N, C-alpha and C. Protein backbone atom coordinates (compact mmCIF):
# COMPACT_ATOMS: atom_id res chain seq x y z
N UNK A 1 -10.47 11.30 -3.51
CA UNK A 1 -9.40 11.97 -2.81
C UNK A 1 -8.20 11.06 -2.77
N UNK A 2 -7.02 11.61 -2.86
CA UNK A 2 -5.84 10.80 -2.57
C UNK A 2 -5.84 10.45 -1.08
N UNK A 3 -5.05 9.47 -0.70
CA UNK A 3 -4.97 9.11 0.72
C UNK A 3 -4.39 10.28 1.50
N UNK A 4 -4.67 10.30 2.78
CA UNK A 4 -4.21 11.39 3.64
C UNK A 4 -2.68 11.50 3.63
N UNK A 5 -2.00 10.37 3.52
CA UNK A 5 -0.53 10.40 3.49
C UNK A 5 -0.01 11.03 2.21
N UNK A 6 -0.70 10.82 1.10
CA UNK A 6 -0.25 11.42 -0.15
C UNK A 6 -0.46 12.93 -0.17
N UNK A 7 -1.42 13.41 0.60
CA UNK A 7 -1.58 14.87 0.69
C UNK A 7 -0.36 15.51 1.35
N UNK A 8 0.35 14.77 2.17
CA UNK A 8 1.55 15.28 2.83
C UNK A 8 2.73 15.39 1.86
N UNK A 9 2.64 14.78 0.69
CA UNK A 9 3.75 14.77 -0.26
C UNK A 9 4.13 16.17 -0.74
N UNK A 10 3.16 17.03 -0.94
CA UNK A 10 3.45 18.38 -1.46
C UNK A 10 4.27 19.20 -0.46
N UNK A 11 3.85 19.33 0.81
CA UNK A 11 4.70 20.09 1.73
C UNK A 11 6.05 19.42 1.99
N UNK A 12 6.10 18.10 1.95
CA UNK A 12 7.39 17.43 2.12
C UNK A 12 8.34 17.79 0.97
N UNK A 13 7.82 17.76 -0.25
CA UNK A 13 8.63 18.15 -1.40
C UNK A 13 9.04 19.62 -1.31
N UNK A 14 8.11 20.47 -0.94
CA UNK A 14 8.42 21.90 -0.80
C UNK A 14 9.48 22.15 0.26
N UNK A 15 9.40 21.42 1.36
CA UNK A 15 10.39 21.58 2.43
C UNK A 15 11.77 21.14 1.97
N UNK A 16 11.85 20.07 1.20
CA UNK A 16 13.14 19.62 0.67
C UNK A 16 13.73 20.63 -0.30
N UNK A 17 12.88 21.22 -1.11
CA UNK A 17 13.35 22.20 -2.08
C UNK A 17 13.82 23.48 -1.39
N UNK A 18 13.04 23.98 -0.44
CA UNK A 18 13.36 25.25 0.22
C UNK A 18 14.45 25.12 1.28
N UNK A 19 14.44 24.02 2.01
CA UNK A 19 15.47 23.79 3.02
C UNK A 19 15.15 24.41 4.37
N UNK A 20 15.87 23.94 5.38
CA UNK A 20 15.64 24.37 6.76
C UNK A 20 16.12 25.79 7.03
N UNK A 21 16.95 26.35 6.17
CA UNK A 21 17.36 27.74 6.40
C UNK A 21 16.25 28.71 5.98
N UNK A 22 15.25 28.23 5.22
CA UNK A 22 14.13 29.08 4.84
C UNK A 22 12.84 28.73 5.59
N UNK A 23 12.73 27.46 6.00
CA UNK A 23 11.53 27.00 6.70
C UNK A 23 11.94 26.32 8.00
N UNK A 24 11.34 26.76 9.08
CA UNK A 24 11.62 26.12 10.37
C UNK A 24 10.85 24.80 10.47
N UNK A 25 11.27 23.95 11.37
CA UNK A 25 10.58 22.68 11.57
C UNK A 25 9.10 22.88 11.94
N UNK A 26 8.76 23.84 12.83
CA UNK A 26 7.33 24.05 13.11
C UNK A 26 6.52 24.45 11.87
N UNK A 27 7.11 25.22 10.97
CA UNK A 27 6.41 25.61 9.74
C UNK A 27 6.22 24.39 8.85
N UNK A 28 7.24 23.55 8.73
CA UNK A 28 7.14 22.35 7.90
C UNK A 28 6.06 21.42 8.44
N UNK A 29 6.09 21.17 9.74
CA UNK A 29 5.09 20.28 10.35
C UNK A 29 3.69 20.86 10.18
N UNK A 30 3.55 22.16 10.35
CA UNK A 30 2.24 22.81 10.16
C UNK A 30 1.78 22.66 8.72
N UNK A 31 2.71 22.79 7.77
CA UNK A 31 2.37 22.59 6.36
C UNK A 31 1.83 21.20 6.09
N UNK A 32 2.45 20.21 6.69
CA UNK A 32 1.99 18.83 6.53
C UNK A 32 0.59 18.66 7.13
N UNK A 33 0.38 19.21 8.31
CA UNK A 33 -0.94 19.12 8.96
C UNK A 33 -1.99 19.84 8.11
N UNK A 34 -1.67 21.05 7.64
CA UNK A 34 -2.64 21.79 6.82
C UNK A 34 -2.96 21.05 5.52
N UNK A 35 -1.98 20.36 4.95
CA UNK A 35 -2.22 19.62 3.71
C UNK A 35 -3.21 18.48 3.92
N UNK A 36 -3.24 17.92 5.11
CA UNK A 36 -4.15 16.81 5.41
C UNK A 36 -5.47 17.27 6.02
N UNK A 37 -5.49 18.45 6.60
CA UNK A 37 -6.63 18.94 7.38
C UNK A 37 -7.97 19.00 6.64
N UNK A 38 -8.02 19.38 5.37
CA UNK A 38 -9.35 19.50 4.74
C UNK A 38 -10.21 18.24 4.81
N UNK A 39 -9.58 17.06 4.87
CA UNK A 39 -10.38 15.84 4.95
C UNK A 39 -11.03 15.62 6.31
N UNK A 40 -10.74 16.49 7.27
CA UNK A 40 -11.46 16.42 8.55
C UNK A 40 -12.94 16.75 8.35
N UNK A 41 -13.28 17.28 7.18
CA UNK A 41 -14.68 17.59 6.91
C UNK A 41 -15.58 16.35 6.91
N UNK A 42 -15.00 15.16 6.83
CA UNK A 42 -15.82 13.95 6.84
C UNK A 42 -16.54 13.75 8.18
N UNK A 43 -16.08 14.42 9.23
CA UNK A 43 -16.80 14.31 10.51
C UNK A 43 -18.19 14.92 10.41
N UNK A 44 -18.39 15.77 9.42
CA UNK A 44 -19.70 16.38 9.21
C UNK A 44 -20.78 15.36 8.90
N UNK A 45 -20.40 14.23 8.31
CA UNK A 45 -21.38 13.19 8.01
C UNK A 45 -22.13 12.78 9.28
N UNK A 46 -21.41 12.69 10.39
CA UNK A 46 -22.01 12.30 11.66
C UNK A 46 -22.94 13.35 12.24
N UNK A 47 -22.85 14.58 11.72
CA UNK A 47 -23.71 15.67 12.20
C UNK A 47 -24.79 16.01 11.19
N UNK A 48 -24.97 15.14 10.21
CA UNK A 48 -26.04 15.34 9.23
C UNK A 48 -25.67 16.26 8.08
N UNK A 49 -24.42 16.61 7.95
CA UNK A 49 -24.00 17.43 6.81
C UNK A 49 -23.80 16.49 5.63
N UNK A 50 -24.49 16.78 4.55
CA UNK A 50 -24.42 15.92 3.37
C UNK A 50 -23.19 16.24 2.53
N UNK A 51 -22.72 15.25 1.82
CA UNK A 51 -21.53 15.37 0.98
C UNK A 51 -21.61 16.62 0.08
N UNK A 52 -22.74 16.84 -0.56
CA UNK A 52 -22.89 17.92 -1.53
C UNK A 52 -23.10 19.30 -0.90
N UNK A 53 -23.27 19.39 0.42
CA UNK A 53 -23.45 20.68 1.08
C UNK A 53 -22.18 21.52 0.98
N UNK A 54 -22.32 22.83 1.16
CA UNK A 54 -21.15 23.72 1.10
C UNK A 54 -20.08 23.31 2.10
N UNK A 55 -20.49 22.83 3.28
CA UNK A 55 -19.54 22.39 4.29
C UNK A 55 -19.37 20.87 4.29
N UNK A 56 -19.89 20.20 3.25
CA UNK A 56 -19.72 18.77 3.11
C UNK A 56 -18.32 18.42 2.61
N UNK A 57 -18.10 17.14 2.39
CA UNK A 57 -16.78 16.67 1.95
C UNK A 57 -16.41 17.29 0.61
N UNK A 58 -15.20 17.79 0.54
CA UNK A 58 -14.64 18.49 -0.62
C UNK A 58 -15.31 19.84 -0.87
N UNK A 59 -15.93 20.38 0.16
CA UNK A 59 -16.59 21.67 0.04
C UNK A 59 -15.68 22.81 0.49
N UNK A 60 -16.18 23.65 1.38
CA UNK A 60 -15.49 24.87 1.82
C UNK A 60 -14.08 24.62 2.32
N UNK A 61 -13.88 23.54 3.05
CA UNK A 61 -12.54 23.29 3.62
C UNK A 61 -11.49 22.98 2.55
N UNK A 62 -11.93 22.73 1.32
CA UNK A 62 -11.01 22.43 0.22
C UNK A 62 -10.79 23.64 -0.69
N UNK A 63 -11.33 24.79 -0.30
CA UNK A 63 -11.28 25.98 -1.16
C UNK A 63 -9.98 26.77 -0.99
N UNK A 64 -9.71 27.60 -1.98
CA UNK A 64 -8.52 28.47 -1.93
C UNK A 64 -8.67 29.53 -0.84
N UNK A 65 -9.89 30.03 -0.63
CA UNK A 65 -10.12 31.03 0.41
C UNK A 65 -9.85 30.42 1.79
N UNK A 66 -10.31 29.22 2.01
CA UNK A 66 -10.09 28.53 3.28
C UNK A 66 -8.59 28.30 3.49
N UNK A 67 -7.89 27.90 2.42
CA UNK A 67 -6.44 27.67 2.51
C UNK A 67 -5.71 28.97 2.85
N UNK A 68 -6.12 30.07 2.24
CA UNK A 68 -5.49 31.36 2.52
C UNK A 68 -5.72 31.79 3.96
N UNK A 69 -6.96 31.65 4.43
CA UNK A 69 -7.27 32.04 5.82
C UNK A 69 -6.50 31.18 6.81
N UNK A 70 -6.46 29.87 6.58
CA UNK A 70 -5.74 28.97 7.48
C UNK A 70 -4.25 29.27 7.48
N UNK A 71 -3.69 29.55 6.30
CA UNK A 71 -2.26 29.85 6.19
C UNK A 71 -1.91 31.15 6.92
N UNK A 72 -2.72 32.17 6.76
CA UNK A 72 -2.46 33.43 7.45
C UNK A 72 -2.59 33.28 8.96
N UNK A 73 -3.60 32.53 9.40
CA UNK A 73 -3.80 32.29 10.83
C UNK A 73 -2.60 31.52 11.40
N UNK A 74 -2.20 30.45 10.72
CA UNK A 74 -1.08 29.64 11.20
C UNK A 74 0.22 30.44 11.21
N UNK A 75 0.42 31.25 10.19
CA UNK A 75 1.63 32.07 10.13
C UNK A 75 1.65 33.07 11.27
N UNK A 76 0.51 33.66 11.57
CA UNK A 76 0.44 34.61 12.69
C UNK A 76 0.74 33.91 14.02
N UNK A 77 0.26 32.68 14.18
CA UNK A 77 0.53 31.94 15.41
C UNK A 77 2.00 31.52 15.52
N UNK A 78 2.56 31.08 14.40
CA UNK A 78 3.94 30.58 14.41
C UNK A 78 4.98 31.70 14.49
N UNK A 79 4.64 32.86 13.94
CA UNK A 79 5.54 34.02 13.90
C UNK A 79 6.95 33.64 13.42
N UNK A 80 7.02 33.06 12.21
CA UNK A 80 8.32 32.62 11.70
C UNK A 80 9.22 33.79 11.35
N UNK A 81 10.50 33.51 11.27
CA UNK A 81 11.47 34.54 10.90
C UNK A 81 11.22 35.04 9.47
N UNK A 82 10.92 34.14 8.58
CA UNK A 82 10.64 34.48 7.18
C UNK A 82 9.13 34.37 6.95
N UNK A 83 8.43 35.41 7.33
CA UNK A 83 6.97 35.43 7.35
C UNK A 83 6.38 35.15 5.96
N UNK A 84 6.88 35.85 4.96
CA UNK A 84 6.32 35.71 3.60
C UNK A 84 6.51 34.32 3.04
N UNK A 85 7.70 33.77 3.16
CA UNK A 85 7.96 32.42 2.65
C UNK A 85 7.10 31.42 3.39
N UNK A 86 6.99 31.57 4.71
CA UNK A 86 6.18 30.64 5.50
C UNK A 86 4.71 30.72 5.10
N UNK A 87 4.19 31.92 4.92
CA UNK A 87 2.79 32.09 4.55
C UNK A 87 2.50 31.45 3.20
N UNK A 88 3.36 31.67 2.23
CA UNK A 88 3.16 31.08 0.89
C UNK A 88 3.28 29.56 0.97
N UNK A 89 4.27 29.06 1.70
CA UNK A 89 4.44 27.61 1.88
C UNK A 89 3.19 27.00 2.50
N UNK A 90 2.68 27.61 3.55
CA UNK A 90 1.49 27.07 4.23
C UNK A 90 0.26 27.15 3.33
N UNK A 91 0.11 28.23 2.59
CA UNK A 91 -1.02 28.34 1.66
C UNK A 91 -0.93 27.24 0.60
N UNK A 92 0.23 27.09 -0.03
CA UNK A 92 0.37 26.08 -1.08
C UNK A 92 0.20 24.66 -0.51
N UNK A 93 0.65 24.46 0.72
CA UNK A 93 0.47 23.14 1.35
C UNK A 93 -1.00 22.79 1.46
N UNK A 94 -1.80 23.73 1.97
CA UNK A 94 -3.22 23.44 2.15
C UNK A 94 -3.98 23.48 0.83
N UNK A 95 -3.66 24.42 -0.04
CA UNK A 95 -4.34 24.52 -1.34
C UNK A 95 -4.07 23.27 -2.18
N UNK A 96 -2.92 22.65 -1.99
CA UNK A 96 -2.60 21.45 -2.77
C UNK A 96 -3.60 20.33 -2.52
N UNK A 97 -4.22 20.33 -1.35
CA UNK A 97 -5.19 19.28 -1.03
C UNK A 97 -6.34 19.28 -2.04
N UNK A 98 -6.97 20.43 -2.19
CA UNK A 98 -8.08 20.53 -3.13
C UNK A 98 -7.64 20.30 -4.57
N UNK A 99 -6.45 20.80 -4.90
CA UNK A 99 -5.95 20.62 -6.27
C UNK A 99 -5.68 19.15 -6.57
N UNK A 100 -5.10 18.42 -5.62
CA UNK A 100 -4.90 16.98 -5.83
C UNK A 100 -6.25 16.25 -5.92
N UNK A 101 -7.20 16.64 -5.08
CA UNK A 101 -8.52 16.00 -5.14
C UNK A 101 -9.19 16.23 -6.49
N UNK A 102 -8.90 17.34 -7.13
CA UNK A 102 -9.47 17.61 -8.45
C UNK A 102 -8.93 16.65 -9.51
N UNK A 103 -7.80 16.03 -9.23
CA UNK A 103 -7.19 15.09 -10.18
C UNK A 103 -7.69 13.66 -10.01
N UNK A 104 -8.61 13.44 -9.06
CA UNK A 104 -9.11 12.08 -8.83
C UNK A 104 -10.30 11.77 -9.73
N UNK A 105 -10.55 10.48 -9.89
CA UNK A 105 -11.60 10.03 -10.82
C UNK A 105 -12.93 9.71 -10.14
N UNK A 106 -13.20 10.31 -9.00
CA UNK A 106 -14.47 10.04 -8.34
C UNK A 106 -14.88 11.14 -7.38
N UNK A 107 -16.05 10.98 -6.81
CA UNK A 107 -16.56 11.99 -5.88
C UNK A 107 -17.35 13.06 -6.62
N UNK A 108 -17.60 14.15 -5.92
CA UNK A 108 -18.42 15.23 -6.49
C UNK A 108 -17.59 16.40 -7.00
N UNK A 109 -16.30 16.32 -6.98
CA UNK A 109 -15.49 17.46 -7.36
C UNK A 109 -15.18 18.32 -6.14
N UNK A 110 -14.48 19.42 -6.37
CA UNK A 110 -13.97 20.27 -5.30
C UNK A 110 -14.54 21.69 -5.43
N UNK A 111 -15.01 22.24 -4.31
CA UNK A 111 -15.54 23.61 -4.28
C UNK A 111 -14.36 24.58 -4.14
N UNK A 112 -13.50 24.61 -5.13
CA UNK A 112 -12.26 25.36 -5.08
C UNK A 112 -12.47 26.86 -4.89
N UNK A 113 -13.55 27.38 -5.44
CA UNK A 113 -13.77 28.82 -5.41
C UNK A 113 -14.82 29.27 -4.40
N UNK A 114 -15.17 28.38 -3.45
CA UNK A 114 -16.08 28.76 -2.37
C UNK A 114 -15.44 29.92 -1.62
N UNK A 115 -16.12 30.92 -1.15
CA UNK A 115 -17.55 31.16 -1.09
C UNK A 115 -18.11 31.91 -2.30
N UNK A 116 -17.26 32.18 -3.28
CA UNK A 116 -17.70 32.93 -4.46
C UNK A 116 -18.54 32.08 -5.41
N UNK A 117 -18.30 30.78 -5.39
CA UNK A 117 -19.07 29.85 -6.21
C UNK A 117 -19.13 28.52 -5.47
N UNK A 118 -20.28 27.89 -5.48
CA UNK A 118 -20.44 26.61 -4.79
C UNK A 118 -20.24 25.43 -5.73
N UNK A 119 -20.04 25.71 -7.01
CA UNK A 119 -19.84 24.64 -7.99
C UNK A 119 -18.62 23.80 -7.63
N UNK A 120 -18.71 22.52 -7.90
CA UNK A 120 -17.61 21.60 -7.66
C UNK A 120 -16.88 21.36 -8.98
N UNK A 121 -15.55 21.24 -8.90
CA UNK A 121 -14.75 21.13 -10.11
C UNK A 121 -13.82 19.92 -10.08
N UNK A 122 -13.54 19.41 -11.27
CA UNK A 122 -12.49 18.42 -11.50
C UNK A 122 -11.51 19.03 -12.49
N UNK A 123 -10.30 18.53 -12.51
CA UNK A 123 -9.32 18.92 -13.51
C UNK A 123 -9.75 18.30 -14.84
N UNK A 124 -9.25 18.84 -15.96
CA UNK A 124 -9.60 18.26 -17.27
C UNK A 124 -9.16 16.79 -17.39
N UNK A 125 -8.13 16.42 -16.66
CA UNK A 125 -7.64 15.05 -16.66
C UNK A 125 -7.69 14.56 -15.21
N UNK A 126 -8.20 13.35 -15.00
CA UNK A 126 -8.34 12.82 -13.64
C UNK A 126 -7.67 11.44 -13.52
N UNK A 127 -6.33 11.42 -13.47
CA UNK A 127 -5.62 10.14 -13.49
C UNK A 127 -5.50 9.42 -12.14
N UNK A 128 -5.77 10.12 -11.04
CA UNK A 128 -5.56 9.52 -9.72
C UNK A 128 -6.81 8.77 -9.28
N UNK A 129 -6.65 7.51 -8.91
CA UNK A 129 -7.78 6.71 -8.43
C UNK A 129 -8.27 7.29 -7.10
N UNK A 130 -9.57 7.49 -6.99
CA UNK A 130 -10.13 8.06 -5.77
C UNK A 130 -10.04 7.06 -4.64
N UNK A 131 -9.63 7.54 -3.48
CA UNK A 131 -9.48 6.69 -2.30
C UNK A 131 -10.82 6.51 -1.61
N UNK A 132 -11.11 5.30 -1.15
CA UNK A 132 -12.35 5.12 -0.38
C UNK A 132 -12.25 5.84 0.96
N UNK A 133 -13.38 6.29 1.47
CA UNK A 133 -13.42 6.95 2.77
C UNK A 133 -13.50 5.88 3.85
N UNK A 134 -12.62 5.97 4.83
CA UNK A 134 -12.62 5.03 5.95
C UNK A 134 -11.57 3.94 5.78
N UNK A 135 -10.91 3.62 6.86
CA UNK A 135 -9.82 2.64 6.83
C UNK A 135 -10.30 1.25 6.47
N UNK A 136 -11.49 0.86 6.94
CA UNK A 136 -11.98 -0.49 6.63
C UNK A 136 -12.23 -0.67 5.14
N UNK A 137 -12.65 0.39 4.46
CA UNK A 137 -12.86 0.33 3.02
C UNK A 137 -11.55 0.38 2.25
N UNK A 138 -10.52 0.91 2.89
CA UNK A 138 -9.25 1.09 2.21
C UNK A 138 -8.44 -0.21 2.14
N UNK A 139 -8.58 -1.06 3.13
CA UNK A 139 -7.81 -2.31 3.17
C UNK A 139 -8.51 -3.31 2.25
N UNK A 140 -8.19 -3.20 0.95
CA UNK A 140 -8.85 -4.02 -0.06
C UNK A 140 -8.03 -3.95 -1.35
N UNK A 141 -8.49 -4.65 -2.38
CA UNK A 141 -7.85 -4.56 -3.69
C UNK A 141 -7.92 -3.13 -4.22
N UNK A 142 -9.03 -2.48 -3.95
CA UNK A 142 -9.19 -1.09 -4.40
C UNK A 142 -8.15 -0.19 -3.73
N UNK A 143 -7.88 -0.42 -2.44
CA UNK A 143 -6.88 0.36 -1.73
C UNK A 143 -5.50 0.21 -2.35
N UNK A 144 -5.15 -1.00 -2.77
CA UNK A 144 -3.87 -1.25 -3.42
C UNK A 144 -3.80 -0.50 -4.75
N UNK A 145 -4.89 -0.50 -5.49
CA UNK A 145 -4.94 0.24 -6.77
C UNK A 145 -4.76 1.74 -6.54
N UNK A 146 -5.35 2.24 -5.46
CA UNK A 146 -5.21 3.66 -5.12
C UNK A 146 -3.75 3.98 -4.80
N UNK A 147 -3.10 3.15 -4.00
CA UNK A 147 -1.69 3.39 -3.66
C UNK A 147 -0.80 3.34 -4.90
N UNK A 148 -1.07 2.42 -5.79
CA UNK A 148 -0.30 2.33 -7.05
C UNK A 148 -0.50 3.61 -7.86
N UNK A 149 -1.74 4.05 -7.98
CA UNK A 149 -2.06 5.26 -8.72
C UNK A 149 -1.36 6.48 -8.12
N UNK A 150 -1.36 6.57 -6.78
CA UNK A 150 -0.70 7.70 -6.11
C UNK A 150 0.81 7.66 -6.28
N UNK A 151 1.39 6.46 -6.29
CA UNK A 151 2.83 6.35 -6.51
C UNK A 151 3.18 6.89 -7.89
N UNK A 152 2.39 6.53 -8.89
CA UNK A 152 2.66 6.95 -10.27
C UNK A 152 2.41 8.45 -10.46
N UNK A 153 1.32 8.97 -9.94
CA UNK A 153 0.89 10.33 -10.26
C UNK A 153 1.26 11.38 -9.21
N UNK A 154 1.64 10.97 -8.00
CA UNK A 154 1.98 11.94 -6.95
C UNK A 154 3.41 11.74 -6.46
N UNK A 155 3.69 10.57 -5.89
CA UNK A 155 4.97 10.37 -5.21
C UNK A 155 6.18 10.39 -6.14
N UNK A 156 6.12 9.69 -7.26
CA UNK A 156 7.27 9.67 -8.17
C UNK A 156 7.52 11.07 -8.77
N UNK A 157 6.49 11.73 -9.32
CA UNK A 157 6.76 13.09 -9.85
C UNK A 157 7.27 14.07 -8.79
N UNK A 158 6.67 14.05 -7.59
CA UNK A 158 7.12 14.98 -6.54
C UNK A 158 8.51 14.63 -6.03
N UNK A 159 8.86 13.36 -6.00
CA UNK A 159 10.21 12.97 -5.61
C UNK A 159 11.22 13.49 -6.62
N UNK A 160 10.91 13.38 -7.91
CA UNK A 160 11.81 13.90 -8.95
C UNK A 160 11.94 15.42 -8.88
N UNK A 161 10.81 16.09 -8.67
CA UNK A 161 10.83 17.56 -8.55
C UNK A 161 11.62 17.98 -7.31
N UNK A 162 11.38 17.31 -6.19
CA UNK A 162 12.09 17.64 -4.95
C UNK A 162 13.59 17.37 -5.09
N UNK A 163 13.95 16.26 -5.72
CA UNK A 163 15.37 15.95 -5.91
C UNK A 163 16.04 17.00 -6.79
N UNK A 164 15.36 17.40 -7.85
CA UNK A 164 15.92 18.43 -8.73
C UNK A 164 16.05 19.76 -7.99
N UNK A 165 15.00 20.15 -7.27
CA UNK A 165 15.04 21.39 -6.52
C UNK A 165 16.10 21.38 -5.43
N UNK A 166 16.23 20.26 -4.74
CA UNK A 166 17.25 20.09 -3.70
C UNK A 166 18.63 20.23 -4.33
N UNK A 167 18.82 19.56 -5.47
CA UNK A 167 20.11 19.63 -6.16
C UNK A 167 20.47 21.04 -6.59
N UNK A 168 19.50 21.75 -7.13
CA UNK A 168 19.72 23.13 -7.56
C UNK A 168 20.05 24.00 -6.36
N UNK A 169 19.31 23.82 -5.27
CA UNK A 169 19.57 24.62 -4.05
C UNK A 169 20.96 24.36 -3.52
N UNK A 170 21.38 23.13 -3.52
CA UNK A 170 22.71 22.79 -3.01
C UNK A 170 23.82 23.37 -3.90
N UNK A 171 23.60 23.37 -5.21
CA UNK A 171 24.61 23.91 -6.12
C UNK A 171 24.72 25.42 -6.05
N UNK A 172 23.58 26.08 -5.89
CA UNK A 172 23.58 27.55 -5.89
C UNK A 172 23.82 28.14 -4.51
N UNK A 173 23.80 27.27 -3.50
CA UNK A 173 24.10 27.73 -2.13
C UNK A 173 22.97 28.37 -1.52
């Protein structure tokens, strides 16, 4: 998995591209939270849920169905002025978590199509170094390699995309 902070990169980039006239601050903050939320599944380890279980790490909470349900629920709670844009933004924010995890070089893959299929998937190319679980494991040489990998494969590309989108939005009004 990428680090929890790198999962926030997608909604941050989306918010810069769309702007505050299309997305309210509560929607943007909710998008950031939803992008990071699937990794809360690691608490299941303490309850005896195994990594490979449907509700284990990178399981159901990383699926497109879960992202859609969470986005619709959050949109209904937030009641934004631009309901459709907010719902799509929130869905893409949360769905990006599983999609980014599919680009990592470790773990069991992502149950992207749960509940229709329990199979775990990786992307055809996995350039992002998988982040260790837990802060104590992260503060190491491996953690530095993960941050470097995320800068190259997540932060720099999304910064360029966000800058281009921001520029286009500003020019077109």
